[in-house]
């Protein structure tokens, strides 16, 4: 646990094996490149990274940094302060507290990708690349979708009958996570703050000059936003995974690992080791 931007933040760090490549560029002996993983909103936590791709990325030679967003997981849950700027401020303070001074590679899942884009728009000199899974920059169209999902969750999850249905259909573990999400939406201003966030302009988003990778599930509604992302950020490489929905990270972690590592090598000049593919 560290103190950053006035709250206690839960952080996990994985170091690459000694002697493995992972530095930006080809020079051996430099510090490994840092990959910051940002999870999604409401029902997510850093566990979605920890149990999927975090260790394979570290094994490939990257310094991996994960953290629970404010109000999520084991991080502090203040009653207020959940605008997009608050989440960007948290990331900025986190990197400063951990003395991460070199430009970082950001990997965001769902709304975590939006935080990554917003951070890159505000701090372009501190970002080496942005990779986003089932996400979008903070455009009005995307934020309207986020607001609708938060409204539905805030209305549904506090209901005992809804939790009972989740237990019956998806099990007790998922129901516990849903109950915690419902409590967060009732006891904090998240559902009001996030939709009311001040957004960067289209010009500010388009000024992001680092390489961008966007992964989408072909059967997810989020893929509809892919053309708008490319219009804003022409350098974006888009990959659509057939048959997948919004749970790309959880359902296809090996594909995520393979695609992101290849892109880091080819587009970002990051030297990473080959890691054996799971059978």
C-alpha atoms as a PDB file:
ATOM      1  CA  UNK A   1       0.000   0.000   0.000  1.00  0.00           C
ATOM      2  CA  UNK A   2       1.299   3.469  -0.872  1.00  0.00           C
ATOM      3  CA  UNK A   3      -0.045   6.967  -0.319  1.00  0.00           C
ATOM      4  CA  UNK A   4      -0.726   8.793  -3.587  1.00  0.00           C
ATOM      5  CA  UNK A   5      -2.927  11.811  -4.329  1.00  0.00           C
ATOM      6  CA  UNK A   6      -4.313  11.766  -0.794  1.00  0.00           C
ATOM      7  CA  UNK A   7      -5.509   8.134  -0.717  1.00  0.00           C
ATOM      8  CA  UNK A   8      -4.049   4.699   0.063  1.00  0.00           C
ATOM      9  CA  UNK A   9      -3.475   2.762  -3.155  1.00  0.00           C
ATOM     10  CA  UNK A  10      -2.923  -0.983  -3.456  1.00  0.00           C
ATOM     11  CA  UNK A  11      -0.036  -1.731  -5.822  1.00  0.00           C
ATOM     12  CA  UNK A  12       1.511  -4.933  -7.143  1.00  0.00           C
ATOM     13  CA  UNK A  13       4.847  -5.000  -8.950  1.00  0.00           C
ATOM     14  CA  UNK A  14       6.453  -7.841 -10.891  1.00  0.00           C
ATOM     15  CA  UNK A  15      10.090  -7.642 -11.911  1.00  0.00           C
ATOM     16  CA  UNK A  16      11.516  -9.430 -14.957  1.00  0.00           C
ATOM     17  CA  UNK A  17      13.876 -12.358 -14.378  1.00  0.00           C
ATOM     18  CA  UNK A  18      17.466 -11.283 -13.861  1.00  0.00           C
ATOM     19  CA  UNK A  19      19.347 -10.971 -17.118  1.00  0.00           C
ATOM     20  CA  UNK A  20      16.296 -10.996 -19.380  1.00  0.00           C
ATOM     21  CA  UNK A  21      15.835  -8.318 -22.037  1.00  0.00           C
ATOM     22  CA  UNK A  22      13.152  -5.721 -21.554  1.00  0.00           C
ATOM     23  CA  UNK A  23      14.767  -2.350 -22.024  1.00  0.00           C
ATOM     24  CA  UNK A  24      13.584   0.254 -24.498  1.00  0.00           C
ATOM     25  CA  UNK A  25      15.879   0.045 -27.518  1.00  0.00           C
ATOM     26  CA  UNK A  26      18.623  -2.480 -28.072  1.00  0.00           C
ATOM     27  CA  UNK A  27      21.143  -1.471 -25.425  1.00  0.00           C
ATOM     28  CA  UNK A  28      21.668  -4.186 -22.827  1.00  0.00           C
ATOM     29  CA  UNK A  29      21.987  -3.244 -19.204  1.00  0.00           C
ATOM     30  CA  UNK A  30      19.436  -0.439 -19.256  1.00  0.00           C
ATOM     31  CA  UNK A  31      16.476  -0.502 -16.913  1.00  0.00           C
ATOM     32  CA  UNK A  32      13.593  -2.689 -18.109  1.00  0.00           C
ATOM     33  CA  UNK A  33      10.694  -0.921 -19.765  1.00  0.00           C
ATOM     34  CA  UNK A  34       7.793  -0.315 -17.378  1.00  0.00           C
ATOM     35  CA  UNK A  35       4.330  -1.557 -18.355  1.00  0.00           C
ATOM     36  CA  UNK A  36       1.527  -0.050 -16.280  1.00  0.00           C
ATOM     37  CA  UNK A  37      -1.690  -2.086 -16.296  1.00  0.00           C
ATOM     38  CA  UNK A  38      -4.946  -0.234 -15.572  1.00  0.00           C
ATOM     39  CA  UNK A  39      -8.077  -2.264 -14.884  1.00  0.00           C
ATOM     40  CA  UNK A  40     -11.692  -1.451 -15.721  1.00  0.00           C
ATOM     41  CA  UNK A  41     -14.427   0.334 -13.814  1.00  0.00           C
ATOM     42  CA  UNK A  42     -16.860  -0.798 -11.083  1.00  0.00           C
ATOM     43  CA  UNK A  43     -16.582  -4.605 -10.900  1.00  0.00           C
ATOM     44  CA  UNK A  44     -12.915  -4.916 -11.847  1.00  0.00           C
ATOM     45  CA  UNK A  45      -9.609  -4.851  -9.950  1.00  0.00           C
ATOM     46  CA  UNK A  46      -5.933  -5.513 -10.576  1.00  0.00           C
ATOM     47  CA  UNK A  47      -6.707  -9.220 -10.099  1.00  0.00           C
ATOM     48  CA  UNK A  48      -7.907  -9.347 -13.710  1.00  0.00           C
ATOM     49  CA  UNK A  49      -4.313  -8.616 -14.737  1.00  0.00           C
ATOM     50  CA  UNK A  50      -2.609 -10.614 -12.010  1.00  0.00           C
ATOM     51  CA  UNK A  51      -4.328 -13.863 -12.931  1.00  0.00           C
ATOM     52  CA  UNK A  52      -4.075 -13.484 -16.701  1.00  0.00           C
ATOM     53  CA  UNK A  53      -1.135 -11.734 -18.369  1.00  0.00           C
ATOM     54  CA  UNK A  54       0.916  -9.982 -15.669  1.00  0.00           C
ATOM     55  CA  UNK A  55       3.448 -12.760 -15.074  1.00  0.00           C
ATOM     56  CA  UNK A  56       3.895 -13.614 -18.778  1.00  0.00           C
ATOM     57  CA  UNK A  57       4.693  -9.955 -19.475  1.00  0.00           C
ATOM     58  CA  UNK A  58       7.204  -9.888 -16.618  1.00  0.00           C
ATOM     59  CA  UNK A  59       8.718 -13.162 -17.841  1.00  0.00           C
ATOM     60  CA  UNK A  60       9.144 -11.530 -21.244  1.00  0.00           C
ATOM     61  CA  UNK A  61      11.385  -8.902 -19.654  1.00  0.00           C
ATOM     62  CA  UNK A  62       9.083  -6.049 -18.638  1.00  0.00           C
ATOM     63  CA  UNK A  63       8.716  -4.382 -15.264  1.00  0.00           C
ATOM     64  CA  UNK A  64       4.979  -4.751 -14.594  1.00  0.00           C
ATOM     65  CA  UNK A  65       3.080  -2.319 -12.379  1.00  0.00           C
ATOM     66  CA  UNK A  66      -0.573  -2.897 -11.437  1.00  0.00           C
ATOM     67  CA  UNK A  67      -2.787  -0.982  -9.024  1.00  0.00           C
ATOM     68  CA  UNK A  68      -6.377  -0.926  -7.792  1.00  0.00           C
ATOM     69  CA  UNK A  69      -8.217   2.212  -8.853  1.00  0.00           C
ATOM     70  CA  UNK A  70      -9.639   4.378  -6.084  1.00  0.00           C
ATOM     71  CA  UNK A  71     -12.742   2.736  -4.662  1.00  0.00           C
ATOM     72  CA  UNK A  72     -11.786  -0.645  -6.122  1.00  0.00           C
ATOM     73  CA  UNK A  73     -10.095  -3.747  -4.792  1.00  0.00           C
ATOM     74  CA  UNK A  74      -7.920  -3.010  -1.764  1.00  0.00           C
ATOM     75  CA  UNK A  75      -7.427   0.682  -2.491  1.00  0.00           C
ATOM     76  CA  UNK A  76      -9.093   3.317  -0.346  1.00  0.00           C
ATOM     77  CA  UNK A  77     -12.725   4.133  -1.116  1.00  0.00           C
ATOM     78  CA  UNK A  78     -13.295   7.856  -0.510  1.00  0.00           C
ATOM     79  CA  UNK A  79     -16.946   8.949  -0.627  1.00  0.00           C
ATOM     80  CA  UNK A  80     -16.291  11.534  -3.367  1.00  0.00           C
ATOM     81  CA  UNK A  81     -13.711  12.313  -6.049  1.00  0.00           C
ATOM     82  CA  UNK A  82     -14.397  10.023  -9.014  1.00  0.00           C
ATOM     83  CA  UNK A  83     -14.043  12.222 -12.076  1.00  0.00           C
ATOM     84  CA  UNK A  84     -11.750  11.245 -14.919  1.00  0.00           C
ATOM     85  CA  UNK A  85      -9.296  13.894 -13.728  1.00  0.00           C
ATOM     86  CA  UNK A  86      -9.195  12.232 -10.289  1.00  0.00           C
ATOM     87  CA  UNK A  87      -8.213   8.903 -11.848  1.00  0.00           C
ATOM     88  CA  UNK A  88      -5.555  10.580 -13.999  1.00  0.00           C
ATOM     89  CA  UNK A  89      -4.223  12.456 -10.968  1.00  0.00           C
ATOM     90  CA  UNK A  90      -3.991   9.152  -9.086  1.00  0.00           C
ATOM     91  CA  UNK A  91      -1.897   7.573 -11.838  1.00  0.00           C
ATOM     92  CA  UNK A  92       0.376  10.610 -12.023  1.00  0.00           C
ATOM     93  CA  UNK A  93       0.891  10.656  -8.249  1.00  0.00           C
ATOM     94  CA  UNK A  94       1.439   6.896  -8.189  1.00  0.00           C
ATOM     95  CA  UNK A  95       4.274   7.064 -10.720  1.00  0.00           C
ATOM     96  CA  UNK A  96       5.844  10.002  -8.875  1.00  0.00           C
ATOM     97  CA  UNK A  97       5.640   8.215  -5.514  1.00  0.00           C
ATOM     98  CA  UNK A  98       7.217   5.086  -6.997  1.00  0.00           C
ATOM     99  CA  UNK A  99       9.939   7.214  -8.638  1.00  0.00           C
ATOM    100  CA  UNK A 100       9.079   6.034 -12.154  1.00  0.00           C
ATOM    101  CA  UNK A 101      10.714   8.727 -14.257  1.00  0.00           C
ATOM    102  CA  UNK A 102      11.149   7.133 -17.690  1.00  0.00           C
ATOM    103  CA  UNK A 103       8.208   7.134 -20.151  1.00  0.00           C
ATOM    104  CA  UNK A 104       5.897   4.220 -19.431  1.00  0.00           C
ATOM    105  CA  UNK A 105       3.902   1.858 -21.614  1.00  0.00           C
ATOM    106  CA  UNK A 106       0.233   1.910 -20.610  1.00  0.00           C
ATOM    107  CA  UNK A 107      -2.064  -1.109 -21.001  1.00  0.00           C
ATOM    108  CA  UNK A 108      -5.693  -0.486 -20.105  1.00  0.00           C
ATOM    109  CA  UNK A 109      -8.710  -2.777 -20.044  1.00  0.00           C
ATOM    110  CA  UNK A 110     -12.139  -1.245 -20.736  1.00  0.00           C
ATOM    111  CA  UNK A 111     -12.315   2.056 -18.817  1.00  0.00           C
ATOM    112  CA  UNK A 112      -8.704   1.516 -17.793  1.00  0.00           C
ATOM    113  CA  UNK A 113      -7.839   2.244 -21.406  1.00  0.00           C
ATOM    114  CA  UNK A 114      -9.744   5.513 -21.181  1.00  0.00           C
ATOM    115  CA  UNK A 115      -7.666   6.518 -18.165  1.00  0.00           C
ATOM    116  CA  UNK A 116      -4.546   5.629 -20.161  1.00  0.00           C
ATOM    117  CA  UNK A 117      -5.603   7.824 -23.092  1.00  0.00           C
ATOM    118  CA  UNK A 118      -6.515  10.695 -20.760  1.00  0.00           C
ATOM    119  CA  UNK A 119      -3.159  10.435 -19.000  1.00  0.00           C
ATOM    120  CA  UNK A 120      -1.334  10.405 -22.351  1.00  0.00           C
ATOM    121  CA  UNK A 121      -3.262  13.492 -23.490  1.00  0.00           C
ATOM    122  CA  UNK A 122      -2.212  15.366 -20.371  1.00  0.00           C
ATOM    123  CA  UNK A 123       1.334  13.977 -20.031  1.00  0.00           C
ATOM    124  CA  UNK A 124       2.498  13.054 -23.556  1.00  0.00           C
ATOM    125  CA  UNK A 125       6.166  13.216 -22.561  1.00  0.00           C
ATOM    126  CA  UNK A 126       5.656  10.546 -19.892  1.00  0.00           C
ATOM    127  CA  UNK A 127       4.026   7.962 -22.170  1.00  0.00           C
ATOM    128  CA  UNK A 128       5.919   5.658 -24.540  1.00  0.00           C
ATOM    129  CA  UNK A 129       2.824   3.865 -25.856  1.00  0.00           C
ATOM    130  CA  UNK A 130      -0.848   3.145 -25.167  1.00  0.00           C
ATOM    131  CA  UNK A 131      -2.491  -0.250 -25.633  1.00  0.00           C
ATOM    132  CA  UNK A 132      -6.193  -0.567 -24.898  1.00  0.00           C
ATOM    133  CA  UNK A 133      -8.464  -3.622 -24.718  1.00  0.00           C
ATOM    134  CA  UNK A 134     -12.157  -3.049 -25.451  1.00  0.00           C
ATOM    135  CA  UNK A 135     -11.831   0.659 -24.800  1.00  0.00           C
ATOM    136  CA  UNK A 136     -11.847   4.164 -26.249  1.00  0.00           C
ATOM    137  CA  UNK A 137     -10.353   7.574 -25.566  1.00  0.00           C
ATOM    138  CA  UNK A 138     -12.606   9.794 -23.417  1.00  0.00           C
ATOM    139  CA  UNK A 139     -14.938  11.002 -26.157  1.00  0.00           C
ATOM    140  CA  UNK A 140     -18.516  12.142 -25.446  1.00  0.00           C
ATOM    141  CA  UNK A 141     -19.916   9.064 -27.237  1.00  0.00           C
ATOM    142  CA  UNK A 142     -17.875   6.653 -25.124  1.00  0.00           C
ATOM    143  CA  UNK A 143     -18.544   8.473 -21.854  1.00  0.00           C
ATOM    144  CA  UNK A 144     -22.273   8.379 -22.582  1.00  0.00           C
ATOM    145  CA  UNK A 145     -22.035   4.585 -22.837  1.00  0.00           C
ATOM    146  CA  UNK A 146     -20.137   4.466 -19.544  1.00  0.00           C
ATOM    147  CA  UNK A 147     -22.812   6.602 -17.877  1.00  0.00           C
ATOM    148  CA  UNK A 148     -25.588   4.293 -19.064  1.00  0.00           C
ATOM    149  CA  UNK A 149     -23.781   1.214 -17.743  1.00  0.00           C
ATOM    150  CA  UNK A 150     -23.159   2.840 -14.376  1.00  0.00           C
ATOM    151  CA  UNK A 151     -26.811   3.894 -14.115  1.00  0.00           C
ATOM    152  CA  UNK A 152     -27.990   0.355 -14.823  1.00  0.00           C
ATOM    153  CA  UNK A 153     -25.547  -1.132 -12.323  1.00  0.00           C
ATOM    154  CA  UNK A 154     -26.465   1.405  -9.630  1.00  0.00           C
ATOM    155  CA  UNK A 155     -30.145   0.577 -10.093  1.00  0.00           C
ATOM    156  CA  UNK A 156     -29.784  -3.195 -10.298  1.00  0.00           C
ATOM    157  CA  UNK A 157     -26.957  -4.407  -8.064  1.00  0.00           C
ATOM    158  CA  UNK A 158     -28.236  -3.174  -4.675  1.00  0.00           C
ATOM    159  CA  UNK A 159     -31.369  -5.315  -5.136  1.00  0.00           C
ATOM    160  CA  UNK A 160     -31.277  -8.640  -3.204  1.00  0.00           C
ATOM    161  CA  UNK A 161     -33.190 -10.405  -5.979  1.00  0.00           C
ATOM    162  CA  UNK A 162     -30.548  -9.365  -8.511  1.00  0.00           C
ATOM    163  CA  UNK A 163     -27.769 -10.828  -6.389  1.00  0.00           C
ATOM    164  CA  UNK A 164     -29.751 -14.025  -5.974  1.00  0.00           C
ATOM    165  CA  UNK A 165     -30.010 -14.330  -9.751  1.00  0.00           C
ATOM    166  CA  UNK A 166     -26.275 -13.765 -10.101  1.00  0.00           C
ATOM    167  CA  UNK A 167     -25.557 -16.487  -7.528  1.00  0.00           C
ATOM    168  CA  UNK A 168     -27.799 -18.917  -9.395  1.00  0.00           C
ATOM    169  CA  UNK A 169     -26.432 -18.089 -12.814  1.00  0.00           C
ATOM    170  CA  UNK A 170     -22.757 -17.255 -12.274  1.00  0.00           C
ATOM    171  CA  UNK A 171     -21.820 -18.436  -8.794  1.00  0.00           C
ATOM    172  CA  UNK A 172     -21.075 -17.009  -5.373  1.00  0.00           C
ATOM    173  CA  UNK A 173     -17.712 -15.466  -6.272  1.00  0.00           C
ATOM    174  CA  UNK A 174     -19.195 -13.322  -9.054  1.00  0.00           C
ATOM    175  CA  UNK A 175     -22.098 -12.410  -6.758  1.00  0.00           C
ATOM    176  CA  UNK A 176     -19.699 -11.198  -4.055  1.00  0.00           C
ATOM    177  CA  UNK A 177     -17.980  -8.970  -6.592  1.00  0.00           C
ATOM    178  CA  UNK A 178     -21.361  -7.666  -7.772  1.00  0.00           C
ATOM    179  CA  UNK A 179     -22.411  -6.950  -4.185  1.00  0.00           C
ATOM    180  CA  UNK A 180     -19.203  -5.011  -3.570  1.00  0.00           C
ATOM    181  CA  UNK A 181     -19.780  -3.036  -6.773  1.00  0.00           C
ATOM    182  CA  UNK A 182     -23.317  -2.214  -5.679  1.00  0.00           C
ATOM    183  CA  UNK A 183     -22.059  -0.994  -2.309  1.00  0.00           C
ATOM    184  CA  UNK A 184     -19.484   1.212  -4.015  1.00  0.00           C
ATOM    185  CA  UNK A 185     -22.107   2.768  -6.280  1.00  0.00           C
ATOM    186  CA  UNK A 186     -24.383   3.457  -3.297  1.00  0.00           C
ATOM    187  CA  UNK A 187     -21.749   4.801  -0.902  1.00  0.00           C
ATOM    188  CA  UNK A 188     -19.713   6.940  -3.328  1.00  0.00           C
ATOM    189  CA  UNK A 189     -20.392   9.582  -5.960  1.00  0.00           C
ATOM    190  CA  UNK A 190     -18.800   7.496  -8.747  1.00  0.00           C
ATOM    191  CA  UNK A 191     -22.003   7.112 -10.793  1.00  0.00           C
ATOM    192  CA  UNK A 192     -22.526  10.902 -10.716  1.00  0.00           C
ATOM    193  CA  UNK A 193     -18.933  12.103 -10.925  1.00  0.00           C
ATOM    194  CA  UNK A 194     -17.678  10.092 -13.866  1.00  0.00           C
ATOM    195  CA  UNK A 195     -20.395  11.115 -16.369  1.00  0.00           C
ATOM    196  CA  UNK A 196     -19.914  14.759 -15.317  1.00  0.00           C
ATOM    197  CA  UNK A 197     -16.158  14.670 -15.951  1.00  0.00           C
ATOM    198  CA  UNK A 198     -14.429  17.389 -17.946  1.00  0.00           C
ATOM    199  CA  UNK A 199     -13.084  15.726 -21.100  1.00  0.00           C
ATOM    200  CA  UNK A 200     -10.017  16.500 -23.179  1.00  0.00           C
ATOM    201  CA  UNK A 201     -10.817  18.035 -26.552  1.00  0.00           C
ATOM    202  CA  UNK A 202     -10.538  16.086 -29.784  1.00  0.00           C
ATOM    203  CA  UNK A 203      -7.434  18.152 -30.573  1.00  0.00           C
ATOM    204  CA  UNK A 204      -5.827  17.182 -27.265  1.00  0.00           C
ATOM    205  CA  UNK A 205      -6.514  13.493 -27.879  1.00  0.00           C
ATOM    206  CA  UNK A 206      -5.247  13.697 -31.455  1.00  0.00           C
ATOM    207  CA  UNK A 207      -2.024  15.267 -30.180  1.00  0.00           C
ATOM    208  CA  UNK A 208      -1.051  11.962 -28.537  1.00  0.00           C
ATOM    209  CA  UNK A 209       1.978  11.013 -30.611  1.00  0.00           C
ATOM    210  CA  UNK A 210       2.946   7.660 -29.132  1.00  0.00           C
ATOM    211  CA  UNK A 211       2.090   4.328 -30.784  1.00  0.00           C
ATOM    212  CA  UNK A 212      -1.445   3.079 -30.061  1.00  0.00           C
ATOM    213  CA  UNK A 213      -2.850  -0.459 -30.126  1.00  0.00           C
ATOM    214  CA  UNK A 214      -6.567  -1.233 -29.743  1.00  0.00           C
ATOM    215  CA  UNK A 215      -7.902  -4.772 -29.287  1.00  0.00           C
ATOM    216  CA  UNK A 216     -11.607  -5.510 -29.671  1.00  0.00           C
ATOM    217  CA  UNK A 217     -13.932  -8.483 -29.572  1.00  0.00           C
ATOM    218  CA  UNK A 218     -15.804  -8.851 -32.863  1.00  0.00           C
ATOM    219  CA  UNK A 219     -19.082  -9.512 -31.017  1.00  0.00           C
ATOM    220  CA  UNK A 220     -18.721  -6.601 -28.592  1.00  0.00           C
ATOM    221  CA  UNK A 221     -20.579  -3.325 -29.012  1.00  0.00           C
ATOM    222  CA  UNK A 222     -17.364  -1.440 -28.219  1.00  0.00           C
ATOM    223  CA  UNK A 223     -15.885  -2.380 -31.615  1.00  0.00           C
ATOM    224  CA  UNK A 224     -18.332   0.091 -33.160  1.00  0.00           C
ATOM    225  CA  UNK A 225     -16.120   2.877 -31.804  1.00  0.00           C
ATOM    226  CA  UNK A 226     -12.963   1.634 -33.553  1.00  0.00           C
ATOM    227  CA  UNK A 227     -13.310   3.862 -36.656  1.00  0.00           C
ATOM    228  CA  UNK A 228     -13.715   6.950 -34.460  1.00  0.00           C
ATOM    229  CA  UNK A 229     -10.548   6.042 -32.546  1.00  0.00           C
ATOM    230  CA  UNK A 230      -8.589   5.744 -35.810  1.00  0.00           C
ATOM    231  CA  UNK A 231      -9.921   9.119 -36.967  1.00  0.00           C
ATOM    232  CA  UNK A 232      -8.615  10.697 -33.773  1.00  0.00           C
ATOM    233  CA  UNK A 233      -5.353   8.742 -33.658  1.00  0.00           C
ATOM    234  CA  UNK A 234      -4.277   7.746 -37.159  1.00  0.00           C
ATOM    235  CA  UNK A 235      -1.288   5.778 -35.835  1.00  0.00           C
ATOM    236  CA  UNK A 236      -3.606   3.260 -34.161  1.00  0.00           C
ATOM    237  CA  UNK A 237      -3.177  -0.406 -34.956  1.00  0.00           C
ATOM    238  CA  UNK A 238      -6.559  -2.122 -34.571  1.00  0.00           C
ATOM    239  CA  UNK A 239      -6.991  -5.858 -34.008  1.00  0.00           C
ATOM    240  CA  UNK A 240     -10.443  -7.475 -33.863  1.00  0.00           C
ATOM    241  CA  UNK A 241     -10.666 -10.951 -32.315  1.00  0.00           C
ATOM    242  CA  UNK A 242     -13.364 -13.097 -33.986  1.00  0.00           C
ATOM    243  CA  UNK A 243     -16.100 -14.500 -31.777  1.00  0.00           C
ATOM    244  CA  UNK A 244     -15.107 -12.490 -28.693  1.00  0.00           C
ATOM    245  CA  UNK A 245     -17.198 -10.122 -26.587  1.00  0.00           C
ATOM    246  CA  UNK A 246     -16.160  -7.598 -23.932  1.00  0.00           C
ATOM    247  CA  UNK A 247     -14.295 -10.190 -21.809  1.00  0.00           C
ATOM    248  CA  UNK A 248     -11.335 -10.388 -24.193  1.00  0.00           C
ATOM    249  CA  UNK A 249      -8.731 -10.115 -21.426  1.00  0.00           C
ATOM    250  CA  UNK A 250     -10.250 -12.894 -19.327  1.00  0.00           C
ATOM    251  CA  UNK A 251     -11.297 -15.186 -22.175  1.00  0.00           C
ATOM    252  CA  UNK A 252      -8.272 -14.738 -24.476  1.00  0.00           C
ATOM    253  CA  UNK A 253      -5.276 -13.825 -22.285  1.00  0.00           C
ATOM    254  CA  UNK A 254      -2.801 -15.692 -24.491  1.00  0.00           C
ATOM    255  CA  UNK A 255      -3.936 -13.752 -27.558  1.00  0.00           C
ATOM    256  CA  UNK A 256      -3.625 -10.485 -25.620  1.00  0.00           C
ATOM    257  CA  UNK A 257      -0.106 -11.397 -24.515  1.00  0.00           C
ATOM    258  CA  UNK A 258       0.985 -12.401 -28.006  1.00  0.00           C
ATOM    259  CA  UNK A 259      -0.491  -9.370 -29.767  1.00  0.00           C
ATOM    260  CA  UNK A 260       0.751  -6.783 -27.271  1.00  0.00           C
ATOM    261  CA  UNK A 261       4.284  -8.205 -27.121  1.00  0.00           C
ATOM    262  CA  UNK A 262       4.544  -8.325 -30.914  1.00  0.00           C
ATOM    263  CA  UNK A 263       3.349  -4.722 -31.139  1.00  0.00           C
ATOM    264  CA  UNK A 264       5.817  -3.588 -28.462  1.00  0.00           C
ATOM    265  CA  UNK A 265       8.640  -5.144 -30.478  1.00  0.00           C
ATOM    266  CA  UNK A 266       7.536  -3.845 -33.870  1.00  0.00           C
ATOM    267  CA  UNK A 267       6.108  -0.415 -33.109  1.00  0.00           C
ATOM    268  CA  UNK A 268       7.754   0.620 -29.848  1.00  0.00           C
ATOM    269  CA  UNK A 269      11.299  -0.773 -30.175  1.00  0.00           C
ATOM    270  CA  UNK A 270      10.989  -2.664 -26.891  1.00  0.00           C
ATOM    271  CA  UNK A 271      13.228  -5.702 -26.666  1.00  0.00           C
ATOM    272  CA  UNK A 272      11.225  -8.511 -25.077  1.00  0.00           C
ATOM    273  CA  UNK A 273      11.990 -12.211 -24.795  1.00  0.00           C
ATOM    274  CA  UNK A 274       9.975 -14.889 -26.520  1.00  0.00           C
ATOM    275  CA  UNK A 275       7.758 -16.683 -23.996  1.00  0.00           C
ATOM    276  CA  UNK A 276       6.506 -20.202 -24.636  1.00  0.00           C
ATOM    277  CA  UNK A 277       2.899 -20.310 -25.784  1.00  0.00           C
ATOM    278  CA  UNK A 278       0.517 -22.166 -23.498  1.00  0.00           C
ATOM    279  CA  UNK A 279      -0.788 -25.431 -25.017  1.00  0.00           C
END
